[in-house]
Amino acid sequence: MTPAARGVYFDLLCIAWQEGGIPADPSALASWLGLSPKRFARIWTEIEDCWVHGSNGSLVNPRQERERTEAERVYEQRVEAGRQGGRPSKRKTVRKANG
């Protein structure tokens, strides 16, 4: 990838993380990035293979979606641990030592 393509790719990954995907319309993407449609089209040829159509009609990056799924799984585990009082095994140890 050229430096310009890496920069656009990174910007699109950031947008996709926040929005759950990027528009499938190249002119909309060019506008979001502040690039002319012609310049964006040249760059897009280098990075378009990194994106696939998602379930909501937008484009998603498969690797990013795997990372999102893992992050959501870890988040849910931590929420559940919080509901159970954080680190119950350490609390029991502390109670035994003090009590």
PDB file of N, CA and C in Angstrom:
ATOM      1  N   MET A   1       0.839  -1.190   0.000  1.00  0.00           N
ATOM      2  CA  MET A   1       0.000   0.000   0.000  1.00  0.00           C
ATOM      3  C   MET A   1       0.878   1.246   0.000  1.00  0.00           C
ATOM      4  N   THR A   2       0.426   2.213  -0.738  1.00  0.00           N
ATOM      5  CA  THR A   2       1.123   3.495  -0.703  1.00  0.00           C
ATOM      6  C   THR A   2       0.802   4.189   0.616  1.00  0.00           C
ATOM      7  N   PRO A   3       1.612   5.163   0.999  1.00  0.00           N
ATOM      8  CA  PRO A   3       1.307   5.895   2.234  1.00  0.00           C
ATOM      9  C   PRO A   3      -0.089   6.524   2.209  1.00  0.00           C
ATOM     10  N   ALA A   4      -0.513   7.033   1.068  1.00  0.00           N
ATOM     11  CA  ALA A   4      -1.854   7.627   0.972  1.00  0.00           C
ATOM     12  C   ALA A   4      -2.927   6.567   1.208  1.00  0.00           C
ATOM     13  N   ALA A   5      -2.741   5.394   0.641  1.00  0.00           N
ATOM     14  CA  ALA A   5      -3.717   4.315   0.822  1.00  0.00           C
ATOM     15  C   ALA A   5      -3.757   3.860   2.276  1.00  0.00           C
ATOM     16  N   ARG A   6      -2.586   3.759   2.926  1.00  0.00           N
ATOM     17  CA  ARG A   6      -2.559   3.386   4.348  1.00  0.00           C
ATOM     18  C   ARG A   6      -3.301   4.409   5.193  1.00  0.00           C
ATOM     19  N   GLY A   7      -3.117   5.685   4.884  1.00  0.00           N
ATOM     20  CA  GLY A   7      -3.804   6.734   5.629  1.00  0.00           C
ATOM     21  C   GLY A   7      -5.310   6.656   5.467  1.00  0.00           C
ATOM     22  N   VAL A   8      -5.768   6.467   4.239  1.00  0.00           N
ATOM     23  CA  VAL A   8      -7.206   6.351   3.982  1.00  0.00           C
ATOM     24  C   VAL A   8      -7.748   5.091   4.642  1.00  0.00           C
ATOM     25  N   TYR A   9      -7.019   4.000   4.526  1.00  0.00           N
ATOM     26  CA  TYR A   9      -7.438   2.738   5.135  1.00  0.00           C
ATOM     27  C   TYR A   9      -7.607   2.906   6.644  1.00  0.00           C
ATOM     28  N   PHE A  10      -6.633   3.535   7.277  1.00  0.00           N
ATOM     29  CA  PHE A  10      -6.704   3.754   8.718  1.00  0.00           C
ATOM     30  C   PHE A  10      -7.897   4.643   9.075  1.00  0.00           C
ATOM     31  N   ASP A  11      -8.092   5.725   8.337  1.00  0.00           N
ATOM     32  CA  ASP A  11      -9.239   6.605   8.586  1.00  0.00           C
ATOM     33  C   ASP A  11     -10.559   5.839   8.450  1.00  0.00           C
ATOM     34  N   LEU A  12     -10.642   4.997   7.426  1.00  0.00           N
ATOM     35  CA  LEU A  12     -11.874   4.224   7.220  1.00  0.00           C
ATOM     36  C   LEU A  12     -12.077   3.203   8.333  1.00  0.00           C
ATOM     37  N   LEU A  13     -10.995   2.599   8.819  1.00  0.00           N
ATOM     38  CA  LEU A  13     -11.126   1.679   9.957  1.00  0.00           C
ATOM     39  C   LEU A  13     -11.669   2.413  11.184  1.00  0.00           C
ATOM     40  N   CYS A  14     -11.188   3.622  11.415  1.00  0.00           N
ATOM     41  CA  CYS A  14     -11.671   4.403  12.558  1.00  0.00           C
ATOM     42  C   CYS A  14     -13.157   4.707  12.416  1.00  0.00           C
ATOM     43  N   ILE A  15     -13.553   5.123  11.235  1.00  0.00           N
ATOM     44  CA  ILE A  15     -14.969   5.422  10.979  1.00  0.00           C
ATOM     45  C   ILE A  15     -15.797   4.153  11.149  1.00  0.00           C
ATOM     46  N   ALA A  16     -15.321   3.052  10.572  1.00  0.00           N
ATOM     47  CA  ALA A  16     -16.068   1.793  10.632  1.00  0.00           C
ATOM     48  C   ALA A  16     -16.226   1.304  12.064  1.00  0.00           C
ATOM     49  N   TRP A  17     -15.219   1.509  12.904  1.00  0.00           N
ATOM     50  CA  TRP A  17     -15.318   1.076  14.296  1.00  0.00           C
ATOM     51  C   TRP A  17     -16.434   1.849  15.002  1.00  0.00           C
ATOM     52  N   GLN A  18     -16.478   3.137  14.766  1.00  0.00           N
ATOM     53  CA  GLN A  18     -17.483   3.979  15.420  1.00  0.00           C
ATOM     54  C   GLN A  18     -18.880   3.753  14.854  1.00  0.00           C
ATOM     55  N   GLU A  19     -18.979   3.597  13.540  1.00  0.00           N
ATOM     56  CA  GLU A  19     -20.275   3.546  12.866  1.00  0.00           C
ATOM     57  C   GLU A  19     -20.776   2.130  12.583  1.00  0.00           C
ATOM     58  N   GLY A  20     -19.933   1.138  12.769  1.00  0.00           N
ATOM     59  CA  GLY A  20     -20.330  -0.232  12.459  1.00  0.00           C
ATOM     60  C   GLY A  20     -20.150  -0.586  10.995  1.00  0.00           C
ATOM     61  N   GLY A  21     -19.506   0.270  10.243  1.00  0.00           N
ATOM     62  CA  GLY A  21     -19.252   0.046   8.820  1.00  0.00           C
ATOM     63  C   GLY A  21     -19.049   1.382   8.130  1.00  0.00           C
ATOM     64  N   ILE A  22     -18.775   1.318   6.845  1.00  0.00           N
ATOM     65  CA  ILE A  22     -18.621   2.532   6.047  1.00  0.00           C
ATOM     66  C   ILE A  22     -19.597   2.461   4.879  1.00  0.00           C
ATOM     67  N   PRO A  23     -19.985   3.598   4.329  1.00  0.00           N
ATOM     68  CA  PRO A  23     -20.906   3.573   3.192  1.00  0.00           C
ATOM     69  C   PRO A  23     -20.311   2.805   2.009  1.00  0.00           C
ATOM     70  N   ALA A  24     -21.164   2.132   1.292  1.00  0.00           N
ATOM     71  CA  ALA A  24     -20.718   1.396   0.113  1.00  0.00           C
ATOM     72  C   ALA A  24     -20.581   2.318  -1.096  1.00  0.00           C
ATOM     73  N   ASP A  25     -20.996   3.550  -0.973  1.00  0.00           N
ATOM     74  CA  ASP A  25     -20.954   4.526  -2.058  1.00  0.00           C
ATOM     75  C   ASP A  25     -19.600   5.237  -2.076  1.00  0.00           C
ATOM     76  N   PRO A  26     -18.790   5.036  -3.116  1.00  0.00           N
ATOM     77  CA  PRO A  26     -17.472   5.670  -3.170  1.00  0.00           C
ATOM     78  C   PRO A  26     -17.514   7.193  -3.103  1.00  0.00           C
ATOM     79  N   SER A  27     -18.512   7.816  -3.686  1.00  0.00           N
ATOM     80  CA  SER A  27     -18.565   9.279  -3.632  1.00  0.00           C
ATOM     81  C   SER A  27     -18.835   9.763  -2.213  1.00  0.00           C
ATOM     82  N   ALA A  28     -19.619   9.017  -1.451  1.00  0.00           N
ATOM     83  CA  ALA A  28     -19.854   9.368  -0.048  1.00  0.00           C
ATOM     84  C   ALA A  28     -18.568   9.214   0.759  1.00  0.00           C
ATOM     85  N   LEU A  29     -17.820   8.160   0.490  1.00  0.00           N
ATOM     86  CA  LEU A  29     -16.555   7.955   1.191  1.00  0.00           C
ATOM     87  C   LEU A  29     -15.575   9.077   0.865  1.00  0.00           C
ATOM     88  N   ALA A  30     -15.475   9.431  -0.399  1.00  0.00           N
ATOM     89  CA  ALA A  30     -14.580  10.510  -0.806  1.00  0.00           C
ATOM     90  C   ALA A  30     -14.961  11.795  -0.089  1.00  0.00           C
ATOM     91  N   SER A  31     -16.235  12.062  -0.006  1.00  0.00           N
ATOM     92  CA  SER A  31     -16.715  13.271   0.663  1.00  0.00           C
ATOM     93  C   SER A  31     -16.374  13.238   2.153  1.00  0.00           C
ATOM     94  N   TRP A  32     -16.601  12.108   2.813  1.00  0.00           N
ATOM     95  CA  TRP A  32     -16.282  11.973   4.244  1.00  0.00           C
ATOM     96  C   TRP A  32     -14.822  12.263   4.510  1.00  0.00           C
ATOM     97  N   LEU A  33     -13.967  11.834   3.579  1.00  0.00           N
ATOM     98  CA  LEU A  33     -12.527  11.961   3.769  1.00  0.00           C
ATOM     99  C   LEU A  33     -11.966  13.270   3.230  1.00  0.00           C
ATOM    100  N   GLY A  34     -12.806  14.057   2.570  1.00  0.00           N
ATOM    101  CA  GLY A  34     -12.351  15.325   2.010  1.00  0.00           C
ATOM    102  C   GLY A  34     -11.464  15.157   0.782  1.00  0.00           C
ATOM    103  N   LEU A  35     -11.690  14.093   0.031  1.00  0.00           N
ATOM    104  CA  LEU A  35     -10.911  13.823  -1.171  1.00  0.00           C
ATOM    105  C   LEU A  35     -11.783  14.007  -2.407  1.00  0.00           C
ATOM    106  N   SER A  36     -11.151  14.328  -3.508  1.00  0.00           N
ATOM    107  CA  SER A  36     -11.897  14.380  -4.764  1.00  0.00           C
ATOM    108  C   SER A  36     -12.272  12.954  -5.147  1.00  0.00           C
ATOM    109  N   PRO A  37     -13.392  12.778  -5.834  1.00  0.00           N
ATOM    110  CA  PRO A  37     -13.771  11.417  -6.255  1.00  0.00           C
ATOM    111  C   PRO A  37     -12.681  10.732  -7.088  1.00  0.00           C
ATOM    112  N   LYS A  38     -11.989  11.513  -7.918  1.00  0.00           N
ATOM    113  CA  LYS A  38     -10.940  10.937  -8.761  1.00  0.00           C
ATOM    114  C   LYS A  38      -9.772  10.439  -7.913  1.00  0.00           C
ATOM    115  N   ARG A  39      -9.324  11.247  -6.975  1.00  0.00           N
ATOM    116  CA  ARG A  39      -8.205  10.839  -6.095  1.00  0.00           C
ATOM    117  C   ARG A  39      -8.622   9.646  -5.246  1.00  0.00           C
ATOM    118  N   PHE A  40      -9.835   9.687  -4.697  1.00  0.00           N
ATOM    119  CA  PHE A  40     -10.301   8.571  -3.878  1.00  0.00           C
ATOM    120  C   PHE A  40     -10.361   7.286  -4.704  1.00  0.00           C
ATOM    121  N   ALA A  41     -10.825   7.377  -5.941  1.00  0.00           N
ATOM    122  CA  ALA A  41     -10.935   6.188  -6.794  1.00  0.00           C
ATOM    123  C   ALA A  41      -9.570   5.529  -6.991  1.00  0.00           C
ATOM    124  N   ARG A  42      -8.524   6.338  -7.159  1.00  0.00           N
ATOM    125  CA  ARG A  42      -7.170   5.771  -7.325  1.00  0.00           C
ATOM    126  C   ARG A  42      -6.738   5.053  -6.043  1.00  0.00           C
ATOM    127  N   ILE A  43      -7.003   5.677  -4.908  1.00  0.00           N
ATOM    128  CA  ILE A  43      -6.612   5.071  -3.630  1.00  0.00           C
ATOM    129  C   ILE A  43      -7.463   3.836  -3.334  1.00  0.00           C
ATOM    130  N   TRP A  44      -8.751   3.915  -3.633  1.00  0.00           N
ATOM    131  CA  TRP A  44      -9.686   2.832  -3.324  1.00  0.00           C
ATOM    132  C   TRP A  44      -9.275   1.524  -3.992  1.00  0.00           C
ATOM    133  N   THR A  45      -8.686   1.604  -5.181  1.00  0.00           N
ATOM    134  CA  THR A  45      -8.267   0.367  -5.864  1.00  0.00           C
ATOM    135  C   THR A  45      -7.247  -0.410  -5.046  1.00  0.00           C
ATOM    136  N   GLU A  46      -6.498   0.285  -4.192  1.00  0.00           N
ATOM    137  CA  GLU A  46      -5.498  -0.387  -3.362  1.00  0.00           C
ATOM    138  C   GLU A  46      -6.090  -1.039  -2.114  1.00  0.00           C
ATOM    139  N   ILE A  47      -7.236  -0.552  -1.654  1.00  0.00           N
ATOM    140  CA  ILE A  47      -7.755  -1.034  -0.365  1.00  0.00           C
ATOM    141  C   ILE A  47      -9.140  -1.672  -0.444  1.00  0.00           C
ATOM    142  N   GLU A  48      -9.759  -1.656  -1.591  1.00  0.00           N
ATOM    143  CA  GLU A  48     -11.131  -2.158  -1.666  1.00  0.00           C
ATOM    144  C   GLU A  48     -11.253  -3.634  -1.315  1.00  0.00           C
ATOM    145  N   ASP A  49     -10.190  -4.412  -1.539  1.00  0.00           N
ATOM    146  CA  ASP A  49     -10.236  -5.843  -1.205  1.00  0.00           C
ATOM    147  C   ASP A  49     -10.266  -6.091   0.302  1.00  0.00           C
ATOM    148  N   CYS A  50     -10.021  -5.052   1.096  1.00  0.00           N
ATOM    149  CA  CYS A  50     -10.037  -5.183   2.561  1.00  0.00           C
ATOM    150  C   CYS A  50     -11.446  -5.035   3.134  1.00  0.00           C
ATOM    151  N   TRP A  51     -12.430  -4.798   2.283  1.00  0.00           N
ATOM    152  CA  TRP A  51     -13.793  -4.524   2.740  1.00  0.00           C
ATOM    153  C   TRP A  51     -14.767  -5.470   2.055  1.00  0.00           C
ATOM    154  N   VAL A  52     -15.785  -5.893   2.783  1.00  0.00           N
ATOM    155  CA  VAL A  52     -16.850  -6.746   2.243  1.00  0.00           C
ATOM    156  C   VAL A  52     -18.194  -6.131   2.631  1.00  0.00           C
ATOM    157  N   HIS A  53     -19.219  -6.529   1.927  1.00  0.00           N
ATOM    158  CA  HIS A  53     -20.555  -6.026   2.248  1.00  0.00           C
ATOM    159  C   HIS A  53     -21.051  -6.667   3.539  1.00  0.00           C
ATOM    160  N   GLY A  54     -21.470  -5.829   4.459  1.00  0.00           N
ATOM    161  CA  GLY A  54     -21.994  -6.294   5.739  1.00  0.00           C
ATOM    162  C   GLY A  54     -23.489  -6.529   5.670  1.00  0.00           C
ATOM    163  N   SER A  55     -24.050  -6.979   6.763  1.00  0.00           N
ATOM    164  CA  SER A  55     -25.471  -7.318   6.809  1.00  0.00           C
ATOM    165  C   SER A  55     -26.370  -6.090   6.720  1.00  0.00           C
ATOM    166  N   ASN A  56     -25.846  -4.920   7.078  1.00  0.00           N
ATOM    167  CA  ASN A  56     -26.688  -3.719   7.043  1.00  0.00           C
ATOM    168  C   ASN A  56     -26.511  -2.912   5.756  1.00  0.00           C
ATOM    169  N   GLY A  57     -25.837  -3.485   4.767  1.00  0.00           N
ATOM    170  CA  GLY A  57     -25.650  -2.805   3.488  1.00  0.00           C
ATOM    171  C   GLY A  57     -24.403  -1.953   3.415  1.00  0.00           C
ATOM    172  N   SER A  58     -23.733  -1.759   4.536  1.00  0.00           N
ATOM    173  CA  SER A  58     -22.495  -0.992   4.517  1.00  0.00           C
ATOM    174  C   SER A  58     -21.327  -1.935   4.276  1.00  0.00           C
ATOM    175  N   LEU A  59     -20.151  -1.366   4.134  1.00  0.00           N
ATOM    176  CA  LEU A  59     -18.944  -2.166   3.981  1.00  0.00           C
ATOM    177  C   LEU A  59     -18.288  -2.345   5.342  1.00  0.00           C
ATOM    178  N   VAL A  60     -17.791  -3.536   5.596  1.00  0.00           N
ATOM    179  CA  VAL A  60     -17.100  -3.823   6.849  1.00  0.00           C
ATOM    180  C   VAL A  60     -15.771  -4.490   6.542  1.00  0.00           C
ATOM    181  N   ASN A  61     -14.863  -4.381   7.485  1.00  0.00           N
ATOM    182  CA  ASN A  61     -13.572  -5.035   7.388  1.00  0.00           C
ATOM    183  C   ASN A  61     -13.662  -6.329   8.198  1.00  0.00           C
ATOM    184  N   PRO A  62     -13.502  -7.487   7.562  1.00  0.00           N
ATOM    185  CA  PRO A  62     -13.686  -8.755   8.285  1.00  0.00           C
ATOM    186  C   PRO A  62     -12.809  -8.884   9.534  1.00  0.00           C
ATOM    187  N   ARG A  63     -11.555  -8.482   9.458  1.00  0.00           N
ATOM    188  CA  ARG A  63     -10.671  -8.567  10.629  1.00  0.00           C
ATOM    189  C   ARG A  63     -11.192  -7.687  11.749  1.00  0.00           C
ATOM    190  N   GLN A  64     -11.624  -6.478  11.407  1.00  0.00           N
ATOM    191  CA  GLN A  64     -12.142  -5.564  12.421  1.00  0.00           C
ATOM    192  C   GLN A  64     -13.399  -6.134  13.066  1.00  0.00           C
ATOM    193  N   GLU A  65     -14.222  -6.782  12.293  1.00  0.00           N
ATOM    194  CA  GLU A  65     -15.445  -7.364  12.855  1.00  0.00           C
ATOM    195  C   GLU A  65     -15.124  -8.519  13.790  1.00  0.00           C
ATOM    196  N   ARG A  66     -14.085  -9.288  13.494  1.00  0.00           N
ATOM    197  CA  ARG A  66     -13.658 -10.335  14.433  1.00  0.00           C
ATOM    198  C   ARG A  66     -13.173  -9.698  15.729  1.00  0.00           C
ATOM    199  N   GLU A  67     -12.414  -8.626  15.617  1.00  0.00           N
ATOM    200  CA  GLU A  67     -11.923  -7.920  16.805  1.00  0.00           C
ATOM    201  C   GLU A  67     -13.086  -7.327  17.601  1.00  0.00           C
ATOM    202  N   ARG A  68     -14.087  -6.792  16.893  1.00  0.00           N
ATOM    203  CA  ARG A  68     -15.267  -6.221  17.563  1.00  0.00           C
ATOM    204  C   ARG A  68     -16.018  -7.316  18.335  1.00  0.00           C
ATOM    205  N   THR A  69     -16.177  -8.473  17.715  1.00  0.00           N
ATOM    206  CA  THR A  69     -16.861  -9.592  18.361  1.00  0.00           C
ATOM    207  C   THR A  69     -16.119 -10.009  19.625  1.00  0.00           C
ATOM    208  N   GLU A  70     -14.797 -10.088  19.540  1.00  0.00           N
ATOM    209  CA  GLU A  70     -13.991 -10.462  20.708  1.00  0.00           C
ATOM    210  C   GLU A  70     -14.086  -9.392  21.796  1.00  0.00           C
ATOM    211  N   ALA A  71     -14.034  -8.128  21.415  1.00  0.00           N
ATOM    212  CA  ALA A  71     -14.129  -7.040  22.396  1.00  0.00           C
ATOM    213  C   ALA A  71     -15.487  -7.068  23.097  1.00  0.00           C
ATOM    214  N   GLU A  72     -16.545  -7.348  22.350  1.00  0.00           N
ATOM    215  CA  GLU A  72     -17.881  -7.435  22.949  1.00  0.00           C
ATOM    216  C   GLU A  72     -17.972  -8.623  23.905  1.00  0.00           C
ATOM    217  N   ARG A  73     -17.336  -9.744  23.534  1.00  0.00           N
ATOM    218  CA  ARG A  73     -17.349 -10.928  24.397  1.00  0.00           C
ATOM    219  C   ARG A  73     -16.634 -10.625  25.716  1.00  0.00           C
ATOM    220  N   VAL A  74     -15.480 -10.002  25.637  1.00  0.00           N
ATOM    221  CA  VAL A  74     -14.717  -9.660  26.843  1.00  0.00           C
ATOM    222  C   VAL A  74     -15.495  -8.669  27.691  1.00  0.00           C
ATOM    223  N   TYR A  75     -16.117  -7.693  27.040  1.00  0.00           N
ATOM    224  CA  TYR A  75     -16.917  -6.704  27.765  1.00  0.00           C
ATOM    225  C   TYR A  75     -18.043  -7.390  28.543  1.00  0.00           C
ATOM    226  N   GLU A  76     -18.742  -8.298  27.888  1.00  0.00           N
ATOM    227  CA  GLU A  76     -19.845  -9.004  28.550  1.00  0.00           C
ATOM    228  C   GLU A  76     -19.336  -9.843  29.715  1.00  0.00           C
ATOM    229  N   GLN A  77     -18.181 -10.469  29.564  1.00  0.00           N
ATOM    230  CA  GLN A  77     -17.599 -11.238  30.669  1.00  0.00           C
ATOM    231  C   GLN A  77     -17.310 -10.322  31.855  1.00  0.00           C
ATOM    232  N   ARG A  78     -16.801  -9.153  31.578  1.00  0.00           N
ATOM    233  CA  ARG A  78     -16.471  -8.220  32.654  1.00  0.00           C
ATOM    234  C   ARG A  78     -17.715  -7.660  33.319  1.00  0.00           C
ATOM    235  N   VAL A  79     -18.752  -7.431  32.525  1.00  0.00           N
ATOM    236  CA  VAL A  79     -20.023  -6.990  33.103  1.00  0.00           C
ATOM    237  C   VAL A  79     -20.543  -8.060  34.049  1.00  0.00           C
ATOM    238  N   GLU A  80     -20.496  -9.300  33.608  1.00  0.00           N
ATOM    239  CA  GLU A  80     -20.980 -10.398  34.455  1.00  0.00           C
ATOM    240  C   GLU A  80     -20.134 -10.529  35.716  1.00  0.00           C
ATOM    241  N   ALA A  81     -18.820 -10.386  35.589  1.00  0.00           N
ATOM    242  CA  ALA A  81     -17.963 -10.446  36.764  1.00  0.00           C
ATOM    243  C   ALA A  81     -18.307  -9.313  37.730  1.00  0.00           C
ATOM    244  N   GLY A  82     -18.600  -8.154  37.190  1.00  0.00           N
ATOM    245  CA  GLY A  82     -19.001  -7.027  38.037  1.00  0.00           C
ATOM    246  C   GLY A  82     -20.299  -7.308  38.767  1.00  0.00           C
ATOM    247  N   ARG A  83     -21.226  -7.947  38.096  1.00  0.00           N
ATOM    248  CA  ARG A  83     -22.497  -8.308  38.734  1.00  0.00           C
ATOM    249  C   ARG A  83     -22.268  -9.287  39.884  1.00  0.00           C
ATOM    250  N   GLN A  84     -21.234 -10.104  39.752  1.00  0.00           N
ATOM    251  CA  GLN A  84     -20.934 -11.099  40.787  1.00  0.00           C
ATOM    252  C   GLN A  84     -19.995 -10.549  41.854  1.00  0.00           C
ATOM    253  N   GLY A  85     -19.693  -9.274  41.788  1.00  0.00           N
ATOM    254  CA  GLY A  85     -18.853  -8.677  42.811  1.00  0.00           C
ATOM    255  C   GLY A  85     -17.390  -8.578  42.443  1.00  0.00           C
ATOM    256  N   GLY A  86     -17.104  -8.551  41.176  1.00  0.00           N
ATOM    257  CA  GLY A  86     -15.717  -8.367  40.756  1.00  0.00           C
ATOM    258  C   GLY A  86     -14.941  -9.656  40.791  1.00  0.00           C
ATOM    259  N   ARG A  87     -14.103  -9.830  41.801  1.00  0.00           N
ATOM    260  CA  ARG A  87     -13.242 -11.011  41.907  1.00  0.00           C
ATOM    261  C   ARG A  87     -13.643 -11.802  43.146  1.00  0.00           C
ATOM    262  N   PRO A  88     -14.691 -12.588  43.052  1.00  0.00           N
ATOM    263  CA  PRO A  88     -15.185 -13.301  44.227  1.00  0.00           C
ATOM    264  C   PRO A  88     -14.154 -14.211  44.892  1.00  0.00           C
ATOM    265  N   SER A  89     -13.300 -14.839  44.118  1.00  0.00           N
ATOM    266  CA  SER A  89     -12.334 -15.750  44.737  1.00  0.00           C
ATOM    267  C   SER A  89     -11.350 -14.986  45.626  1.00  0.00           C
ATOM    268  N   LYS A  90     -10.957 -13.795  45.232  1.00  0.00           N
ATOM    269  CA  LYS A  90     -10.050 -13.010  46.072  1.00  0.00           C
ATOM    270  C   LYS A  90     -10.786 -12.511  47.314  1.00  0.00           C
ATOM    271  N   ARG A  91     -12.039 -12.138  47.160  1.00  0.00           N
ATOM    272  CA  ARG A  91     -12.811 -11.673  48.327  1.00  0.00           C
ATOM    273  C   ARG A  91     -12.915 -12.780  49.368  1.00  0.00           C
ATOM    274  N   LYS A  92     -13.151 -14.008  48.921  1.00  0.00           N
ATOM    275  CA  LYS A  92     -13.275 -15.118  49.871  1.00  0.00           C
ATOM    276  C   LYS A  92     -11.960 -15.334  50.599  1.00  0.00           C
ATOM    277  N   THR A  93     -10.843 -15.233  49.889  1.00  0.00           N
ATOM    278  CA  THR A  93      -9.540 -15.401  50.492  1.00  0.00           C
ATOM    279  C   THR A  93      -9.293 -14.320  51.544  1.00  0.00           C
ATOM    280  N   VAL A  94      -9.637 -13.098  51.222  1.00  0.00           N
ATOM    281  CA  VAL A  94      -9.445 -11.989  52.140  1.00  0.00           C
ATOM    282  C   VAL A  94     -10.310 -12.186  53.384  1.00  0.00           C
ATOM    283  N   ARG A  95     -11.533 -12.605  53.190  1.00  0.00           N
ATOM    284  CA  ARG A  95     -12.431 -12.825  54.327  1.00  0.00           C
ATOM    285  C   ARG A  95     -11.885 -13.907  55.254  1.00  0.00           C
ATOM    286  N   LYS A  96     -11.374 -14.983  54.685  1.00  0.00           N
ATOM    287  CA  LYS A  96     -10.832 -16.052  55.499  1.00  0.00           C
ATOM    288  C   LYS A  96      -9.626 -15.572  56.305  1.00  0.00           C
ATOM    289  N   ALA A  97      -8.808 -14.768  55.662  1.00  0.00           N
ATOM    290  CA  ALA A  97      -7.608 -14.286  56.333  1.00  0.00           C
ATOM    291  C   ALA A  97      -7.956 -13.331  57.478  1.00  0.00           C
ATOM    292  N   ASN A  98      -9.012 -12.547  57.298  1.00  0.00           N
ATOM    293  CA  ASN A  98      -9.412 -11.584  58.318  1.00  0.00           C
ATOM    294  C   ASN A  98     -10.388 -12.169  59.311  1.00  0.00           C
ATOM    295  N   GLY A  99     -11.001 -13.230  59.013  1.00  0.00           N
ATOM    296  CA  GLY A  99     -12.099 -13.658  59.844  1.00  0.00           C
ATOM    297  C   GLY A  99     -11.980 -14.925  60.499  1.00  0.00           C
TER     298      GLY A  99
END
